[in-house]
Amino acid sequence: MTDRLFPDHRRAALALLNGNHRLSRKAGQFLGQLAVDPSPMSEAQVDWLAKLLDRAGLASGAEGGAQ
């Protein structure tokens, strides 16, 4: 992705956690894991993060995992 708002999934997760976005407990746990785990994300995790970013009105720029 060329115009990435977030350079990695950690920053995308932190933006969602620190923002005023409505999140379920499960989504919060998922984002907390992404915030501390630099491992590359699975396809399912990439999709879920993209959905959460879209619902929050943030550009999906964390595809591909950590850098």
N, C-alpha and C. Protein backbone atom coordinates (compact mmCIF):
# COMPACT_ATOMS: atom_id res chain seq x y z
N MET A 1 0.86 -1.18 0.00
CA MET A 1 0.00 0.00 0.00
C MET A 1 0.90 1.23 0.00
N THR A 2 0.67 2.14 -0.91
CA THR A 2 1.58 3.26 -1.07
C THR A 2 1.29 4.43 -0.15
N ASP A 3 0.05 4.74 0.11
CA ASP A 3 -0.27 5.88 0.98
C ASP A 3 -0.78 5.38 2.32
N ARG A 4 0.14 4.88 3.11
CA ARG A 4 -0.21 4.25 4.38
C ARG A 4 -0.29 5.28 5.50
N LEU A 5 -1.39 5.25 6.20
CA LEU A 5 -1.56 6.13 7.35
C LEU A 5 -0.73 5.63 8.53
N PHE A 6 -0.64 4.32 8.67
CA PHE A 6 0.10 3.71 9.77
C PHE A 6 1.24 2.87 9.19
N PRO A 7 2.46 3.08 9.66
CA PRO A 7 3.59 2.32 9.13
C PRO A 7 3.61 0.85 9.54
N ASP A 8 2.90 0.49 10.60
CA ASP A 8 2.83 -0.91 11.01
C ASP A 8 1.55 -1.16 11.79
N HIS A 9 1.28 -2.44 12.04
CA HIS A 9 0.03 -2.80 12.70
C HIS A 9 0.00 -2.33 14.16
N ARG A 10 1.16 -2.18 14.78
CA ARG A 10 1.20 -1.71 16.18
C ARG A 10 0.62 -0.30 16.28
N ARG A 11 1.04 0.57 15.40
CA ARG A 11 0.55 1.95 15.45
C ARG A 11 -0.93 2.03 15.09
N ALA A 12 -1.39 1.19 14.19
CA ALA A 12 -2.81 1.16 13.84
C ALA A 12 -3.63 0.71 15.05
N ALA A 13 -3.14 -0.33 15.73
CA ALA A 13 -3.84 -0.83 16.92
C ALA A 13 -3.88 0.23 18.01
N LEU A 14 -2.76 0.91 18.23
CA LEU A 14 -2.71 1.95 19.26
C LEU A 14 -3.63 3.12 18.93
N ALA A 15 -3.74 3.46 17.66
CA ALA A 15 -4.64 4.55 17.26
C ALA A 15 -6.08 4.19 17.59
N LEU A 16 -6.45 2.95 17.37
CA LEU A 16 -7.81 2.52 17.71
C LEU A 16 -8.02 2.48 19.21
N LEU A 17 -7.03 1.98 19.95
CA LEU A 17 -7.16 1.88 21.40
C LEU A 17 -7.16 3.26 22.07
N ASN A 18 -6.38 4.18 21.56
CA ASN A 18 -6.26 5.50 22.17
C ASN A 18 -7.33 6.48 21.71
N GLY A 19 -7.99 6.16 20.62
CA GLY A 19 -9.03 7.05 20.10
C GLY A 19 -10.35 6.84 20.83
N ASN A 20 -11.30 7.62 20.45
CA ASN A 20 -12.64 7.50 21.04
C ASN A 20 -13.50 6.64 20.13
N HIS A 21 -13.11 5.38 19.99
CA HIS A 21 -13.79 4.45 19.10
C HIS A 21 -14.49 3.38 19.93
N ARG A 22 -15.69 3.04 19.53
CA ARG A 22 -16.44 2.01 20.23
C ARG A 22 -15.88 0.63 19.85
N LEU A 23 -15.39 -0.09 20.84
CA LEU A 23 -14.79 -1.40 20.62
C LEU A 23 -15.38 -2.42 21.59
N SER A 24 -15.52 -3.64 21.11
CA SER A 24 -15.94 -4.72 21.99
C SER A 24 -14.74 -5.16 22.83
N ARG A 25 -15.00 -5.92 23.87
CA ARG A 25 -13.92 -6.44 24.71
C ARG A 25 -12.99 -7.32 23.87
N LYS A 26 -13.57 -8.12 23.00
CA LYS A 26 -12.78 -9.01 22.15
C LYS A 26 -11.89 -8.20 21.20
N ALA A 27 -12.44 -7.14 20.62
CA ALA A 27 -11.65 -6.28 19.73
C ALA A 27 -10.53 -5.60 20.52
N GLY A 28 -10.82 -5.16 21.73
CA GLY A 28 -9.80 -4.54 22.57
C GLY A 28 -8.67 -5.49 22.90
N GLN A 29 -9.00 -6.73 23.19
CA GLN A 29 -7.97 -7.74 23.47
C GLN A 29 -7.12 -8.00 22.23
N PHE A 30 -7.78 -8.09 21.08
CA PHE A 30 -7.07 -8.30 19.82
C PHE A 30 -6.11 -7.14 19.54
N LEU A 31 -6.59 -5.92 19.71
CA LEU A 31 -5.75 -4.75 19.46
C LEU A 31 -4.61 -4.65 20.46
N GLY A 32 -4.86 -5.02 21.70
CA GLY A 32 -3.80 -5.05 22.71
C GLY A 32 -2.71 -6.03 22.33
N GLN A 33 -3.10 -7.18 21.82
CA GLN A 33 -2.11 -8.16 21.37
C GLN A 33 -1.29 -7.60 20.22
N LEU A 34 -1.96 -6.97 19.24
CA LEU A 34 -1.24 -6.40 18.10
C LEU A 34 -0.27 -5.31 18.54
N ALA A 35 -0.66 -4.55 19.56
CA ALA A 35 0.16 -3.44 20.02
C ALA A 35 1.49 -3.89 20.62
N VAL A 36 1.53 -5.10 21.17
CA VAL A 36 2.75 -5.56 21.84
C VAL A 36 3.47 -6.69 21.10
N ASP A 37 2.85 -7.29 20.11
CA ASP A 37 3.44 -8.43 19.41
C ASP A 37 3.91 -8.01 18.01
N PRO A 38 5.21 -7.97 17.78
CA PRO A 38 5.72 -7.54 16.47
C PRO A 38 5.64 -8.62 15.39
N SER A 39 5.14 -9.80 15.72
CA SER A 39 5.05 -10.88 14.72
C SER A 39 4.15 -10.47 13.57
N PRO A 40 4.44 -10.98 12.36
CA PRO A 40 3.55 -10.71 11.23
C PRO A 40 2.15 -11.22 11.51
N MET A 41 1.17 -10.50 11.00
CA MET A 41 -0.23 -10.89 11.21
C MET A 41 -0.65 -11.97 10.21
N SER A 42 -1.62 -12.78 10.61
CA SER A 42 -2.21 -13.74 9.69
C SER A 42 -3.19 -12.99 8.78
N GLU A 43 -3.64 -13.64 7.73
CA GLU A 43 -4.62 -13.02 6.83
C GLU A 43 -5.88 -12.65 7.58
N ALA A 44 -6.33 -13.51 8.49
CA ALA A 44 -7.54 -13.22 9.27
C ALA A 44 -7.34 -11.99 10.14
N GLN A 45 -6.16 -11.85 10.74
CA GLN A 45 -5.88 -10.68 11.56
C GLN A 45 -5.83 -9.41 10.72
N VAL A 46 -5.22 -9.50 9.55
CA VAL A 46 -5.17 -8.35 8.63
C VAL A 46 -6.59 -7.92 8.28
N ASP A 47 -7.45 -8.88 7.98
CA ASP A 47 -8.83 -8.56 7.62
C ASP A 47 -9.57 -7.91 8.78
N TRP A 48 -9.41 -8.46 9.98
CA TRP A 48 -10.11 -7.92 11.14
C TRP A 48 -9.64 -6.50 11.46
N LEU A 49 -8.33 -6.30 11.41
CA LEU A 49 -7.80 -4.96 11.67
C LEU A 49 -8.33 -3.97 10.63
N ALA A 50 -8.37 -4.38 9.38
CA ALA A 50 -8.88 -3.51 8.33
C ALA A 50 -10.35 -3.14 8.58
N LYS A 51 -11.14 -4.11 9.04
CA LYS A 51 -12.55 -3.84 9.36
C LYS A 51 -12.68 -2.86 10.53
N LEU A 52 -11.87 -3.05 11.55
CA LEU A 52 -11.92 -2.15 12.70
C LEU A 52 -11.51 -0.73 12.31
N LEU A 53 -10.48 -0.62 11.49
CA LEU A 53 -10.04 0.70 11.03
C LEU A 53 -11.11 1.36 10.16
N ASP A 54 -11.74 0.57 9.31
CA ASP A 54 -12.80 1.10 8.45
C ASP A 54 -13.99 1.59 9.28
N ARG A 55 -14.41 0.80 10.24
CA ARG A 55 -15.53 1.20 11.11
C ARG A 55 -15.22 2.46 11.90
N ALA A 56 -13.97 2.66 12.24
CA ALA A 56 -13.55 3.84 13.00
C ALA A 56 -13.31 5.05 12.09
N GLY A 57 -13.38 4.83 10.78
CA GLY A 57 -13.15 5.92 9.85
C GLY A 57 -11.68 6.23 9.63
N LEU A 58 -10.83 5.27 9.91
CA LEU A 58 -9.39 5.43 9.71
C LEU A 58 -8.96 4.64 8.49
N ALA A 59 -8.01 5.14 7.77
CA ALA A 59 -7.51 4.44 6.59
C ALA A 59 -6.85 3.13 7.00
N SER A 60 -7.06 2.12 6.22
CA SER A 60 -6.44 0.82 6.48
C SER A 60 -5.04 0.83 5.91
N GLY A 61 -4.06 1.03 6.78
CA GLY A 61 -2.69 1.11 6.30
C GLY A 61 -1.74 0.19 7.00
N ALA A 62 -2.23 -0.85 7.61
CA ALA A 62 -1.35 -1.72 8.38
C ALA A 62 -1.23 -3.10 7.76
N GLU A 63 -1.54 -3.24 6.51
CA GLU A 63 -1.50 -4.56 5.89
C GLU A 63 -0.09 -5.09 5.83
N GLY A 64 0.03 -6.39 5.97
CA GLY A 64 1.32 -7.03 5.82
C GLY A 64 2.09 -7.27 7.09
N GLY A 65 1.61 -6.82 8.21
CA GLY A 65 2.28 -7.12 9.46
C GLY A 65 3.33 -6.12 9.85
N ALA A 66 4.13 -6.50 10.82
CA ALA A 66 5.12 -5.59 11.40
C ALA A 66 6.27 -5.34 10.44
N GLN A 67 6.94 -4.22 10.66
CA GLN A 67 8.11 -3.91 9.85
C GLN A 67 9.30 -3.68 10.73
